Amino acid sequence: MNFPLLVDTQKNLALLYGAAKKPDVERLKRLTIIIDKSGKIVKIDKEINPSTHGADLVEFFRNSDTSKDN
């Protein structure tokens, strides 16, 4: 991969973006947040389908300006 992935082990971002309602929750709602090179959030996807999510991301990047160099 040519981009970083963030792992939220302390659930700070999960709480901030609504993937968890409280810090002690065991199961989190899956979501994807795409951030461009300048740090701007360009997409928050809260309706993840695990069966198609990889292909959905490929399609998003093919059709967006976020994959181009700034």
PDB file of N, CA and C in Angstrom:
ATOM      1  N   MET A   1       0.847  -1.184   0.000  1.00  0.00           N
ATOM      2  CA  MET A   1       0.000   0.000   0.000  1.00  0.00           C
ATOM      3  C   MET A   1       0.885   1.238   0.000  1.00  0.00           C
ATOM      4  N   ASN A   2       0.441   2.241  -0.680  1.00  0.00           N
ATOM      5  CA  ASN A   2       1.201   3.482  -0.713  1.00  0.00           C
ATOM      6  C   ASN A   2       0.532   4.577   0.113  1.00  0.00           C
ATOM      7  N   PHE A   3      -0.179   4.172   1.144  1.00  0.00           N
ATOM      8  CA  PHE A   3      -0.833   5.127   2.036  1.00  0.00           C
ATOM      9  C   PHE A   3      -0.868   4.543   3.430  1.00  0.00           C
ATOM     10  N   PRO A   4      -0.877   5.411   4.445  1.00  0.00           N
ATOM     11  CA  PRO A   4      -0.892   4.902   5.816  1.00  0.00           C
ATOM     12  C   PRO A   4      -2.291   4.492   6.260  1.00  0.00           C
ATOM     13  N   LEU A   5      -2.333   3.503   7.133  1.00  0.00           N
ATOM     14  CA  LEU A   5      -3.571   3.098   7.784  1.00  0.00           C
ATOM     15  C   LEU A   5      -3.442   3.452   9.261  1.00  0.00           C
ATOM     16  N   LEU A   6      -4.524   3.854   9.868  1.00  0.00           N
ATOM     17  CA  LEU A   6      -4.518   4.206  11.281  1.00  0.00           C
ATOM     18  C   LEU A   6      -5.254   3.139  12.071  1.00  0.00           C
ATOM     19  N   VAL A   7      -4.663   2.685  13.144  1.00  0.00           N
ATOM     20  CA  VAL A   7      -5.299   1.724  14.025  1.00  0.00           C
ATOM     21  C   VAL A   7      -5.619   2.452  15.322  1.00  0.00           C
ATOM     22  N   ASP A   8      -6.873   2.463  15.687  1.00  0.00           N
ATOM     23  CA  ASP A   8      -7.380   3.240  16.824  1.00  0.00           C
ATOM     24  C   ASP A   8      -7.554   2.343  18.047  1.00  0.00           C
ATOM     25  N   THR A   9      -6.447   1.899  18.631  1.00  0.00           N
ATOM     26  CA  THR A   9      -6.512   0.939  19.730  1.00  0.00           C
ATOM     27  C   THR A   9      -7.143   1.516  20.997  1.00  0.00           C
ATOM     28  N   GLN A  10      -7.078   2.812  21.193  1.00  0.00           N
ATOM     29  CA  GLN A  10      -7.659   3.431  22.386  1.00  0.00           C
ATOM     30  C   GLN A  10      -9.098   3.906  22.166  1.00  0.00           C
ATOM     31  N   LYS A  11      -9.625   3.729  20.940  1.00  0.00           N
ATOM     32  CA  LYS A  11     -11.004   4.083  20.572  1.00  0.00           C
ATOM     33  C   LYS A  11     -11.282   5.586  20.600  1.00  0.00           C
ATOM     34  N   ASN A  12     -10.241   6.399  20.552  1.00  0.00           N
ATOM     35  CA  ASN A  12     -10.440   7.854  20.546  1.00  0.00           C
ATOM     36  C   ASN A  12     -11.172   8.321  19.295  1.00  0.00           C
ATOM     37  N   LEU A  13     -10.719   7.876  18.137  1.00  0.00           N
ATOM     38  CA  LEU A  13     -11.377   8.278  16.897  1.00  0.00           C
ATOM     39  C   LEU A  13     -12.723   7.593  16.727  1.00  0.00           C
ATOM     40  N   ALA A  14     -12.840   6.379  17.215  1.00  0.00           N
ATOM     41  CA  ALA A  14     -14.130   5.678  17.147  1.00  0.00           C
ATOM     42  C   ALA A  14     -15.200   6.469  17.886  1.00  0.00           C
ATOM     43  N   LEU A  15     -14.851   7.003  19.027  1.00  0.00           N
ATOM     44  CA  LEU A  15     -15.796   7.831  19.789  1.00  0.00           C
ATOM     45  C   LEU A  15     -16.074   9.143  19.065  1.00  0.00           C
ATOM     46  N   LEU A  16     -15.035   9.759  18.543  1.00  0.00           N
ATOM     47  CA  LEU A  16     -15.171  11.046  17.857  1.00  0.00           C
ATOM     48  C   LEU A  16     -16.069  10.951  16.623  1.00  0.00           C
ATOM     49  N   TYR A  17     -15.927   9.875  15.849  1.00  0.00           N
ATOM     50  CA  TYR A  17     -16.669   9.750  14.593  1.00  0.00           C
ATOM     51  C   TYR A  17     -17.918   8.866  14.689  1.00  0.00           C
ATOM     52  N   GLY A  18     -18.269   8.421  15.882  1.00  0.00           N
ATOM     53  CA  GLY A  18     -19.513   7.701  16.050  1.00  0.00           C
ATOM     54  C   GLY A  18     -19.458   6.211  15.809  1.00  0.00           C
ATOM     55  N   ALA A  19     -18.275   5.633  15.728  1.00  0.00           N
ATOM     56  CA  ALA A  19     -18.177   4.181  15.562  1.00  0.00           C
ATOM     57  C   ALA A  19     -18.416   3.470  16.892  1.00  0.00           C
ATOM     58  N   ALA A  20     -18.283   4.218  17.991  1.00  0.00           N
ATOM     59  CA  ALA A  20     -18.564   3.682  19.332  1.00  0.00           C
ATOM     60  C   ALA A  20     -19.335   4.734  20.112  1.00  0.00           C
ATOM     61  N   LYS A  21     -20.253   4.274  20.924  1.00  0.00           N
ATOM     62  CA  LYS A  21     -21.046   5.191  21.755  1.00  0.00           C
ATOM     63  C   LYS A  21     -20.362   5.490  23.089  1.00  0.00           C
ATOM     64  N   LYS A  22     -19.577   4.517  23.598  1.00  0.00           N
ATOM     65  CA  LYS A  22     -18.868   4.705  24.861  1.00  0.00           C
ATOM     66  C   LYS A  22     -17.543   3.941  24.813  1.00  0.00           C
ATOM     67  N   PRO A  23     -16.553   4.356  25.609  1.00  0.00           N
ATOM     68  CA  PRO A  23     -15.209   3.778  25.505  1.00  0.00           C
ATOM     69  C   PRO A  23     -15.104   2.292  25.818  1.00  0.00           C
ATOM     70  N   ASP A  24     -16.004   1.747  26.628  1.00  0.00           N
ATOM     71  CA  ASP A  24     -15.872   0.346  27.024  1.00  0.00           C
ATOM     72  C   ASP A  24     -16.620  -0.630  26.117  1.00  0.00           C
ATOM     73  N   VAL A  25     -17.166  -0.146  25.027  1.00  0.00           N
ATOM     74  CA  VAL A  25     -17.898  -1.016  24.106  1.00  0.00           C
ATOM     75  C   VAL A  25     -16.919  -1.997  23.438  1.00  0.00           C
ATOM     76  N   GLU A  26     -17.335  -3.242  23.272  1.00  0.00           N
ATOM     77  CA  GLU A  26     -16.477  -4.270  22.683  1.00  0.00           C
ATOM     78  C   GLU A  26     -16.512  -4.257  21.151  1.00  0.00           C
ATOM     79  N   ARG A  27     -17.709  -4.117  20.605  1.00  0.00           N
ATOM     80  CA  ARG A  27     -17.855  -4.113  19.136  1.00  0.00           C
ATOM     81  C   ARG A  27     -18.031  -2.695  18.642  1.00  0.00           C
ATOM     82  N   LEU A  28     -17.257  -2.365  17.636  1.00  0.00           N
ATOM     83  CA  LEU A  28     -17.337  -1.035  17.039  1.00  0.00           C
ATOM     84  C   LEU A  28     -18.036  -1.123  15.696  1.00  0.00           C
ATOM     85  N   LYS A  29     -18.691  -0.042  15.327  1.00  0.00           N
ATOM     86  CA  LYS A  29     -19.270   0.046  13.993  1.00  0.00           C
ATOM     87  C   LYS A  29     -18.121   0.297  13.014  1.00  0.00           C
ATOM     88  N   ARG A  30     -18.099  -0.461  11.939  1.00  0.00           N
ATOM     89  CA  ARG A  30     -17.036  -0.286  10.946  1.00  0.00           C
ATOM     90  C   ARG A  30     -17.312   0.963  10.122  1.00  0.00           C
ATOM     91  N   LEU A  31     -16.272   1.778   9.932  1.00  0.00           N
ATOM     92  CA  LEU A  31     -16.381   2.927   9.044  1.00  0.00           C
ATOM     93  C   LEU A  31     -15.028   3.225   8.438  1.00  0.00           C
ATOM     94  N   THR A  32     -15.046   3.933   7.339  1.00  0.00           N
ATOM     95  CA  THR A  32     -13.819   4.323   6.660  1.00  0.00           C
ATOM     96  C   THR A  32     -13.814   5.831   6.525  1.00  0.00           C
ATOM     97  N   ILE A  33     -12.689   6.441   6.892  1.00  0.00           N
ATOM     98  CA  ILE A  33     -12.508   7.879   6.749  1.00  0.00           C
ATOM     99  C   ILE A  33     -11.323   8.075   5.818  1.00  0.00           C
ATOM    100  N   ILE A  34     -11.546   8.783   4.722  1.00  0.00           N
ATOM    101  CA  ILE A  34     -10.487   9.034   3.754  1.00  0.00           C
ATOM    102  C   ILE A  34     -10.042  10.482   3.929  1.00  0.00           C
ATOM    103  N   ILE A  35      -8.740  10.649   4.151  1.00  0.00           N
ATOM    104  CA  ILE A  35      -8.151  11.959   4.404  1.00  0.00           C
ATOM    105  C   ILE A  35      -7.137  12.230   3.304  1.00  0.00           C
ATOM    106  N   ASP A  36      -7.201  13.417   2.682  1.00  0.00           N
ATOM    107  CA  ASP A  36      -6.261  13.719   1.606  1.00  0.00           C
ATOM    108  C   ASP A  36      -4.906  14.139   2.168  1.00  0.00           C
ATOM    109  N   LYS A  37      -3.950  14.403   1.281  1.00  0.00           N
ATOM    110  CA  LYS A  37      -2.586  14.732   1.682  1.00  0.00           C
ATOM    111  C   LYS A  37      -2.492  15.995   2.523  1.00  0.00           C
ATOM    112  N   SER A  38      -3.453  16.893   2.372  1.00  0.00           N
ATOM    113  CA  SER A  38      -3.427  18.135   3.144  1.00  0.00           C
ATOM    114  C   SER A  38      -4.091  17.974   4.512  1.00  0.00           C
ATOM    115  N   GLY A  39      -4.657  16.803   4.790  1.00  0.00           N
ATOM    116  CA  GLY A  39      -5.307  16.543   6.068  1.00  0.00           C
ATOM    117  C   GLY A  39      -6.807  16.771   6.058  1.00  0.00           C
ATOM    118  N   LYS A  40      -7.368  17.096   4.904  1.00  0.00           N
ATOM    119  CA  LYS A  40      -8.805  17.331   4.783  1.00  0.00           C
ATOM    120  C   LYS A  40      -9.551  16.004   4.649  1.00  0.00           C
ATOM    121  N   ILE A  41     -10.625  15.853   5.417  1.00  0.00           N
ATOM    122  CA  ILE A  41     -11.472  14.663   5.283  1.00  0.00           C
ATOM    123  C   ILE A  41     -12.284  14.812   4.002  1.00  0.00           C
ATOM    124  N   VAL A  42     -12.133  13.863   3.092  1.00  0.00           N
ATOM    125  CA  VAL A  42     -12.846  13.921   1.819  1.00  0.00           C
ATOM    126  C   VAL A  42     -14.021  12.959   1.758  1.00  0.00           C
ATOM    127  N   LYS A  43     -14.033  11.965   2.663  1.00  0.00           N
ATOM    128  CA  LYS A  43     -15.156  11.016   2.657  1.00  0.00           C
ATOM    129  C   LYS A  43     -15.206  10.294   3.996  1.00  0.00           C
ATOM    130  N   ILE A  44     -16.409  10.167   4.533  1.00  0.00           N
ATOM    131  CA  ILE A  44     -16.673   9.311   5.684  1.00  0.00           C
ATOM    132  C   ILE A  44     -17.736   8.317   5.245  1.00  0.00           C
ATOM    133  N   ASP A  45     -17.363   7.060   5.216  1.00  0.00           N
ATOM    134  CA  ASP A  45     -18.285   6.008   4.789  1.00  0.00           C
ATOM    135  C   ASP A  45     -18.698   5.215   6.024  1.00  0.00           C
ATOM    136  N   LYS A  46     -19.935   5.403   6.462  1.00  0.00           N
ATOM    137  CA  LYS A  46     -20.453   4.714   7.649  1.00  0.00           C
ATOM    138  C   LYS A  46     -21.280   3.487   7.286  1.00  0.00           C
ATOM    139  N   GLU A  47     -21.477   3.241   6.025  1.00  0.00           N
ATOM    140  CA  GLU A  47     -22.278   2.095   5.566  1.00  0.00           C
ATOM    141  C   GLU A  47     -21.371   1.132   4.819  1.00  0.00           C
ATOM    142  N   ILE A  48     -20.549   0.404   5.549  1.00  0.00           N
ATOM    143  CA  ILE A  48     -19.566  -0.504   4.969  1.00  0.00           C
ATOM    144  C   ILE A  48     -20.202  -1.869   4.709  1.00  0.00           C
ATOM    145  N   ASN A  49     -20.001  -2.371   3.508  1.00  0.00           N
ATOM    146  CA  ASN A  49     -20.370  -3.745   3.181  1.00  0.00           C
ATOM    147  C   ASN A  49     -19.051  -4.508   3.052  1.00  0.00           C
ATOM    148  N   PRO A  50     -18.707  -5.347   4.029  1.00  0.00           N
ATOM    149  CA  PRO A  50     -17.420  -6.038   3.992  1.00  0.00           C
ATOM    150  C   PRO A  50     -17.182  -6.832   2.704  1.00  0.00           C
ATOM    151  N   SER A  51     -18.233  -7.311   2.085  1.00  0.00           N
ATOM    152  CA  SER A  51     -18.087  -8.107   0.853  1.00  0.00           C
ATOM    153  C   SER A  51     -17.630  -7.278  -0.334  1.00  0.00           C
ATOM    154  N   THR A  52     -17.951  -5.990  -0.347  1.00  0.00           N
ATOM    155  CA  THR A  52     -17.635  -5.162  -1.506  1.00  0.00           C
ATOM    156  C   THR A  52     -16.745  -3.970  -1.174  1.00  0.00           C
ATOM    157  N   HIS A  53     -16.343  -3.832   0.082  1.00  0.00           N
ATOM    158  CA  HIS A  53     -15.663  -2.603   0.498  1.00  0.00           C
ATOM    159  C   HIS A  53     -14.358  -2.361  -0.254  1.00  0.00           C
ATOM    160  N   GLY A  54     -13.567  -3.396  -0.475  1.00  0.00           N
ATOM    161  CA  GLY A  54     -12.326  -3.224  -1.233  1.00  0.00           C
ATOM    162  C   GLY A  54     -12.590  -2.668  -2.627  1.00  0.00           C
ATOM    163  N   ALA A  55     -13.527  -3.264  -3.330  1.00  0.00           N
ATOM    164  CA  ALA A  55     -13.883  -2.797  -4.671  1.00  0.00           C
ATOM    165  C   ALA A  55     -14.498  -1.404  -4.623  1.00  0.00           C
ATOM    166  N   ASP A  56     -15.285  -1.123  -3.577  1.00  0.00           N
ATOM    167  CA  ASP A  56     -15.878   0.206  -3.423  1.00  0.00           C
ATOM    168  C   ASP A  56     -14.796   1.273  -3.274  1.00  0.00           C
ATOM    169  N   LEU A  57     -13.738   0.960  -2.503  1.00  0.00           N
ATOM    170  CA  LEU A  57     -12.640   1.909  -2.319  1.00  0.00           C
ATOM    171  C   LEU A  57     -11.872   2.121  -3.618  1.00  0.00           C
ATOM    172  N   VAL A  58     -11.617   1.037  -4.342  1.00  0.00           N
ATOM    173  CA  VAL A  58     -10.928   1.164  -5.629  1.00  0.00           C
ATOM    174  C   VAL A  58     -11.724   2.070  -6.552  1.00  0.00           C
ATOM    175  N   GLU A  59     -13.019   1.872  -6.616  1.00  0.00           N
ATOM    176  CA  GLU A  59     -13.891   2.700  -7.470  1.00  0.00           C
ATOM    177  C   GLU A  59     -13.860   4.164  -7.016  1.00  0.00           C
ATOM    178  N   PHE A  60     -13.910   4.392  -5.720  1.00  0.00           N
ATOM    179  CA  PHE A  60     -13.862   5.763  -5.197  1.00  0.00           C
ATOM    180  C   PHE A  60     -12.578   6.457  -5.639  1.00  0.00           C
ATOM    181  N   PHE A  61     -11.435   5.795  -5.456  1.00  0.00           N
ATOM    182  CA  PHE A  61     -10.163   6.431  -5.807  1.00  0.00           C
ATOM    183  C   PHE A  61      -9.991   6.601  -7.314  1.00  0.00           C
ATOM    184  N   ARG A  62     -10.535   5.701  -8.090  1.00  0.00           N
ATOM    185  CA  ARG A  62     -10.463   5.854  -9.549  1.00  0.00           C
ATOM    186  C   ARG A  62     -11.249   7.085 -10.011  1.00  0.00           C
ATOM    187  N   ASN A  63     -12.325   7.390  -9.291  1.00  0.00           N
ATOM    188  CA  ASN A  63     -13.204   8.473  -9.716  1.00  0.00           C
ATOM    189  C   ASN A  63     -13.029   9.765  -8.919  1.00  0.00           C
ATOM    190  N   SER A  64     -11.967   9.863  -8.140  1.00  0.00           N
ATOM    191  CA  SER A  64     -11.779  11.073  -7.334  1.00  0.00           C
ATOM    192  C   SER A  64     -10.422  11.699  -7.606  1.00  0.00           C
ATOM    193  N   ASP A  65     -10.310  12.947  -7.233  1.00  0.00           N
ATOM    194  CA  ASP A  65      -9.063  13.668  -7.371  1.00  0.00           C
ATOM    195  C   ASP A  65      -8.106  13.386  -6.226  1.00  0.00           C
ATOM    196  N   THR A  66      -8.532  12.658  -5.187  1.00  0.00           N
ATOM    197  CA  THR A  66      -7.677  12.409  -4.033  1.00  0.00           C
ATOM    198  C   THR A  66      -6.496  11.499  -4.366  1.00  0.00           C
ATOM    199  N   SER A  67      -6.596  10.742  -5.449  1.00  0.00           N
ATOM    200  CA  SER A  67      -5.506   9.830  -5.802  1.00  0.00           C
ATOM    201  C   SER A  67      -4.430  10.523  -6.620  1.00  0.00           C
ATOM    202  N   LYS A  68      -4.681  11.728  -7.065  1.00  0.00           N
ATOM    203  CA  LYS A  68      -3.703  12.465  -7.860  1.00  0.00           C
ATOM    204  C   LYS A  68      -2.777  13.244  -6.948  1.00  0.00           C
ATOM    205  N   ASP A  69      -1.543  13.447  -7.362  1.00  0.00           N
ATOM    206  CA  ASP A  69      -0.596  14.233  -6.573  1.00  0.00           C
ATOM    207  C   ASP A  69      -1.040  15.674  -6.488  1.00  0.00           C
ATOM    208  N   ASN A  70      -0.927  16.261  -5.297  1.00  0.00           N
ATOM    209  CA  ASN A  70      -1.294  17.673  -5.097  1.00  0.00           C
ATOM    210  C   ASN A  70      -0.103  18.556  -5.318  1.00  0.00           C
TER     211      ASN A  70
END
